[in-house]
Amino acid sequence: MQIVKEFFVFLKEEKLLWLSPIVIILLLLAVFIFATEGSAVLPFIYGGF
């Protein structure tokens, strides 16, 4: 968790706080993809294609 804290301190110091929502959304998407990989939820996600 230290690297996450350092990353947000870097964003704050470099005045790049507008990037934080993008980073958070990408991290949540990565966690969602990792969590649903090979699970029973997969047919419902890709069922429409």
PDB file of N, CA and C in Angstrom:
ATOM      1  N   MET A   1       0.821  -1.199   0.000  1.00  0.00           N
ATOM      2  CA  MET A   1       0.000   0.000   0.000  1.00  0.00           C
ATOM      3  C   MET A   1       0.865   1.264   0.000  1.00  0.00           C
ATOM      4  N   GLN A   2       2.133   1.114   0.331  1.00  0.00           N
ATOM      5  CA  GLN A   2       3.023   2.272   0.367  1.00  0.00           C
ATOM      6  C   GLN A   2       3.180   2.881  -1.021  1.00  0.00           C
ATOM      7  N   ILE A   3       3.228   2.052  -2.053  1.00  0.00           N
ATOM      8  CA  ILE A   3       3.410   2.577  -3.406  1.00  0.00           C
ATOM      9  C   ILE A   3       2.185   3.381  -3.849  1.00  0.00           C
ATOM     10  N   VAL A   4       1.008   2.964  -3.414  1.00  0.00           N
ATOM     11  CA  VAL A   4      -0.216   3.704  -3.752  1.00  0.00           C
ATOM     12  C   VAL A   4      -0.192   5.076  -3.080  1.00  0.00           C
ATOM     13  N   LYS A   5       0.221   5.085  -1.808  1.00  0.00           N
ATOM     14  CA  LYS A   5       0.318   6.345  -1.082  1.00  0.00           C
ATOM     15  C   LYS A   5       1.337   7.274  -1.743  1.00  0.00           C
ATOM     16  N   GLU A   6       2.496   6.730  -2.121  1.00  0.00           N
ATOM     17  CA  GLU A   6       3.521   7.538  -2.782  1.00  0.00           C
ATOM     18  C   GLU A   6       3.028   8.060  -4.133  1.00  0.00           C
ATOM     19  N   PHE A   7       2.255   7.250  -4.840  1.00  0.00           N
ATOM     20  CA  PHE A   7       1.740   7.679  -6.141  1.00  0.00           C
ATOM     21  C   PHE A   7       0.796   8.867  -5.991  1.00  0.00           C
ATOM     22  N   PHE A   8      -0.084   8.812  -4.995  1.00  0.00           N
ATOM     23  CA  PHE A   8      -1.009   9.925  -4.802  1.00  0.00           C
ATOM     24  C   PHE A   8      -0.300  11.169  -4.274  1.00  0.00           C
ATOM     25  N   VAL A   9       0.756  11.000  -3.498  1.00  0.00           N
ATOM     26  CA  VAL A   9       1.564  12.150  -3.076  1.00  0.00           C
ATOM     27  C   VAL A   9       2.240  12.768  -4.288  1.00  0.00           C
ATOM     28  N   PHE A  10       2.734  11.932  -5.191  1.00  0.00           N
ATOM     29  CA  PHE A  10       3.340  12.424  -6.427  1.00  0.00           C
ATOM     30  C   PHE A  10       2.337  13.214  -7.258  1.00  0.00           C
ATOM     31  N   LEU A  11       1.122  12.670  -7.391  1.00  0.00           N
ATOM     32  CA  LEU A  11       0.095  13.381  -8.154  1.00  0.00           C
ATOM     33  C   LEU A  11      -0.227  14.728  -7.523  1.00  0.00           C
ATOM     34  N   LYS A  12      -0.257  14.763  -6.204  1.00  0.00           N
ATOM     35  CA  LYS A  12      -0.556  16.007  -5.501  1.00  0.00           C
ATOM     36  C   LYS A  12       0.563  17.022  -5.695  1.00  0.00           C
ATOM     37  N   GLU A  13       1.811  16.584  -5.592  1.00  0.00           N
ATOM     38  CA  GLU A  13       2.947  17.495  -5.729  1.00  0.00           C
ATOM     39  C   GLU A  13       3.101  18.012  -7.151  1.00  0.00           C
ATOM     40  N   GLU A  14       2.780  17.196  -8.122  1.00  0.00           N
ATOM     41  CA  GLU A  14       2.937  17.584  -9.526  1.00  0.00           C
ATOM     42  C   GLU A  14       1.675  18.229 -10.100  1.00  0.00           C
ATOM     43  N   LYS A  15       0.684  18.492  -9.250  1.00  0.00           N
ATOM     44  CA  LYS A  15      -0.585  19.113  -9.664  1.00  0.00           C
ATOM     45  C   LYS A  15      -1.303  18.279 -10.725  1.00  0.00           C
ATOM     46  N   LEU A  16      -1.267  16.983 -10.544  1.00  0.00           N
ATOM     47  CA  LEU A  16      -1.922  16.066 -11.482  1.00  0.00           C
ATOM     48  C   LEU A  16      -3.087  15.330 -10.822  1.00  0.00           C
ATOM     49  N   LEU A  17      -3.736  15.987  -9.882  1.00  0.00           N
ATOM     50  CA  LEU A  17      -4.835  15.328  -9.170  1.00  0.00           C
ATOM     51  C   LEU A  17      -6.005  14.969 -10.086  1.00  0.00           C
ATOM     52  N   TRP A  18      -6.102  15.607 -11.230  1.00  0.00           N
ATOM     53  CA  TRP A  18      -7.179  15.253 -12.155  1.00  0.00           C
ATOM     54  C   TRP A  18      -7.008  13.842 -12.690  1.00  0.00           C
ATOM     55  N   LEU A  19      -5.811  13.269 -12.567  1.00  0.00           N
ATOM     56  CA  LEU A  19      -5.581  11.896 -13.020  1.00  0.00           C
ATOM     57  C   LEU A  19      -6.094  10.854 -12.029  1.00  0.00           C
ATOM     58  N   SER A  20      -6.284  11.238 -10.774  1.00  0.00           N
ATOM     59  CA  SER A  20      -6.647  10.255  -9.758  1.00  0.00           C
ATOM     60  C   SER A  20      -7.969   9.524 -10.045  1.00  0.00           C
ATOM     61  N   PRO A  21      -9.042  10.190 -10.512  1.00  0.00           N
ATOM     62  CA  PRO A  21     -10.256   9.408 -10.829  1.00  0.00           C
ATOM     63  C   PRO A  21     -10.033   8.389 -11.951  1.00  0.00           C
ATOM     64  N   ILE A  22      -9.219   8.747 -12.920  1.00  0.00           N
ATOM     65  CA  ILE A  22      -8.930   7.817 -14.019  1.00  0.00           C
ATOM     66  C   ILE A  22      -8.176   6.605 -13.486  1.00  0.00           C
ATOM     67  N   VAL A  23      -7.192   6.840 -12.647  1.00  0.00           N
ATOM     68  CA  VAL A  23      -6.399   5.749 -12.081  1.00  0.00           C
ATOM     69  C   VAL A  23      -7.271   4.856 -11.215  1.00  0.00           C
ATOM     70  N   ILE A  24      -8.132   5.446 -10.406  1.00  0.00           N
ATOM     71  CA  ILE A  24      -9.004   4.661  -9.530  1.00  0.00           C
ATOM     72  C   ILE A  24      -9.954   3.796 -10.350  1.00  0.00           C
ATOM     73  N   ILE A  25     -10.534   4.358 -11.400  1.00  0.00           N
ATOM     74  CA  ILE A  25     -11.451   3.591 -12.247  1.00  0.00           C
ATOM     75  C   ILE A  25     -10.722   2.443 -12.946  1.00  0.00           C
ATOM     76  N   LEU A  26      -9.517   2.696 -13.428  1.00  0.00           N
ATOM     77  CA  LEU A  26      -8.748   1.631 -14.078  1.00  0.00           C
ATOM     78  C   LEU A  26      -8.370   0.531 -13.089  1.00  0.00           C
ATOM     79  N   LEU A  27      -8.018   0.902 -11.874  1.00  0.00           N
ATOM     80  CA  LEU A  27      -7.709  -0.102 -10.856  1.00  0.00           C
ATOM     81  C   LEU A  27      -8.938  -0.935 -10.497  1.00  0.00           C
ATOM     82  N   LEU A  28     -10.093  -0.285 -10.361  1.00  0.00           N
ATOM     83  CA  LEU A  28     -11.328  -1.022 -10.064  1.00  0.00           C
ATOM     84  C   LEU A  28     -11.702  -1.958 -11.210  1.00  0.00           C
ATOM     85  N   LEU A  29     -11.507  -1.508 -12.432  1.00  0.00           N
ATOM     86  CA  LEU A  29     -11.783  -2.362 -13.589  1.00  0.00           C
ATOM     87  C   LEU A  29     -10.852  -3.567 -13.615  1.00  0.00           C
ATOM     88  N   ALA A  30      -9.583  -3.353 -13.294  1.00  0.00           N
ATOM     89  CA  ALA A  30      -8.632  -4.462 -13.251  1.00  0.00           C
ATOM     90  C   ALA A  30      -9.005  -5.468 -12.169  1.00  0.00           C
ATOM     91  N   VAL A  31      -9.424  -4.971 -11.004  1.00  0.00           N
ATOM     92  CA  VAL A  31      -9.843  -5.873  -9.923  1.00  0.00           C
ATOM     93  C   VAL A  31     -11.091  -6.640 -10.338  1.00  0.00           C
ATOM     94  N   PHE A  32     -12.024  -5.970 -10.996  1.00  0.00           N
ATOM     95  CA  PHE A  32     -13.251  -6.643 -11.451  1.00  0.00           C
ATOM     96  C   PHE A  32     -12.932  -7.741 -12.462  1.00  0.00           C
ATOM     97  N   ILE A  33     -12.059  -7.447 -13.410  1.00  0.00           N
ATOM     98  CA  ILE A  33     -11.696  -8.450 -14.418  1.00  0.00           C
ATOM     99  C   ILE A  33     -10.990  -9.630 -13.763  1.00  0.00           C
ATOM    100  N   PHE A  34     -10.093  -9.342 -12.821  1.00  0.00           N
ATOM    101  CA  PHE A  34      -9.380 -10.410 -12.129  1.00  0.00           C
ATOM    102  C   PHE A  34     -10.334 -11.265 -11.299  1.00  0.00           C
ATOM    103  N   ALA A  35     -11.307 -10.626 -10.651  1.00  0.00           N
ATOM    104  CA  ALA A  35     -12.235 -11.347  -9.783  1.00  0.00           C
ATOM    105  C   ALA A  35     -13.213 -12.215 -10.572  1.00  0.00           C
ATOM    106  N   THR A  36     -13.605 -11.781 -11.761  1.00  0.00           N
ATOM    107  CA  THR A  36     -14.601 -12.535 -12.525  1.00  0.00           C
ATOM    108  C   THR A  36     -13.971 -13.493 -13.532  1.00  0.00           C
ATOM    109  N   GLU A  37     -12.675 -13.571 -13.564  1.00  0.00           N
ATOM    110  CA  GLU A  37     -11.998 -14.447 -14.518  1.00  0.00           C
ATOM    111  C   GLU A  37     -12.311 -15.908 -14.194  1.00  0.00           C
ATOM    112  N   GLY A  38     -12.936 -16.560 -15.137  1.00  0.00           N
ATOM    113  CA  GLY A  38     -13.254 -17.969 -14.963  1.00  0.00           C
ATOM    114  C   GLY A  38     -14.403 -18.248 -14.009  1.00  0.00           C
ATOM    115  N   SER A  39     -15.213 -17.272 -13.715  1.00  0.00           N
ATOM    116  CA  SER A  39     -16.309 -17.505 -12.771  1.00  0.00           C
ATOM    117  C   SER A  39     -17.629 -17.691 -13.512  1.00  0.00           C
ATOM    118  N   ALA A  40     -18.663 -17.889 -12.750  1.00  0.00           N
ATOM    119  CA  ALA A  40     -19.999 -18.097 -13.322  1.00  0.00           C
ATOM    120  C   ALA A  40     -20.610 -16.808 -13.822  1.00  0.00           C
ATOM    121  N   VAL A  41     -20.012 -15.663 -13.513  1.00  0.00           N
ATOM    122  CA  VAL A  41     -20.545 -14.376 -13.942  1.00  0.00           C
ATOM    123  C   VAL A  41     -20.211 -14.114 -15.409  1.00  0.00           C
ATOM    124  N   LEU A  42     -19.189 -14.766 -15.901  1.00  0.00           N
ATOM    125  CA  LEU A  42     -18.682 -14.520 -17.252  1.00  0.00           C
ATOM    126  C   LEU A  42     -19.746 -14.627 -18.349  1.00  0.00           C
ATOM    127  N   PRO A  43     -20.617 -15.629 -18.362  1.00  0.00           N
ATOM    128  CA  PRO A  43     -21.641 -15.691 -19.421  1.00  0.00           C
ATOM    129  C   PRO A  43     -22.602 -14.505 -19.429  1.00  0.00           C
ATOM    130  N   PHE A  44     -22.835 -13.921 -18.265  1.00  0.00           N
ATOM    131  CA  PHE A  44     -23.747 -12.774 -18.208  1.00  0.00           C
ATOM    132  C   PHE A  44     -23.078 -11.515 -18.729  1.00  0.00           C
ATOM    133  N   ILE A  45     -21.756 -11.420 -18.605  1.00  0.00           N
ATOM    134  CA  ILE A  45     -21.034 -10.244 -19.090  1.00  0.00           C
ATOM    135  C   ILE A  45     -20.937 -10.279 -20.612  1.00  0.00           C
ATOM    136  N   TYR A  46     -20.564 -11.443 -21.153  1.00  0.00           N
ATOM    137  CA  TYR A  46     -20.358 -11.562 -22.583  1.00  0.00           C
ATOM    138  C   TYR A  46     -21.543 -12.197 -23.311  1.00  0.00           C
ATOM    139  N   GLY A  47     -22.648 -12.360 -22.657  1.00  0.00           N
ATOM    140  CA  GLY A  47     -23.796 -13.042 -23.240  1.00  0.00           C
ATOM    141  C   GLY A  47     -24.414 -12.304 -24.422  1.00  0.00           C
ATOM    142  N   GLY A  48     -24.281 -10.997 -24.469  1.00  0.00           N
ATOM    143  CA  GLY A  48     -24.915 -10.235 -25.536  1.00  0.00           C
ATOM    144  C   GLY A  48     -24.132 -10.193 -26.837  1.00  0.00           C
ATOM    145  N   PHE A  49     -22.922 -10.743 -26.826  1.00  0.00           N
ATOM    146  CA  PHE A  49     -22.089 -10.643 -28.041  1.00  0.00           C
ATOM    147  C   PHE A  49     -22.119 -11.872 -28.871  1.00  0.00           C
TER     148      PHE A  49
END
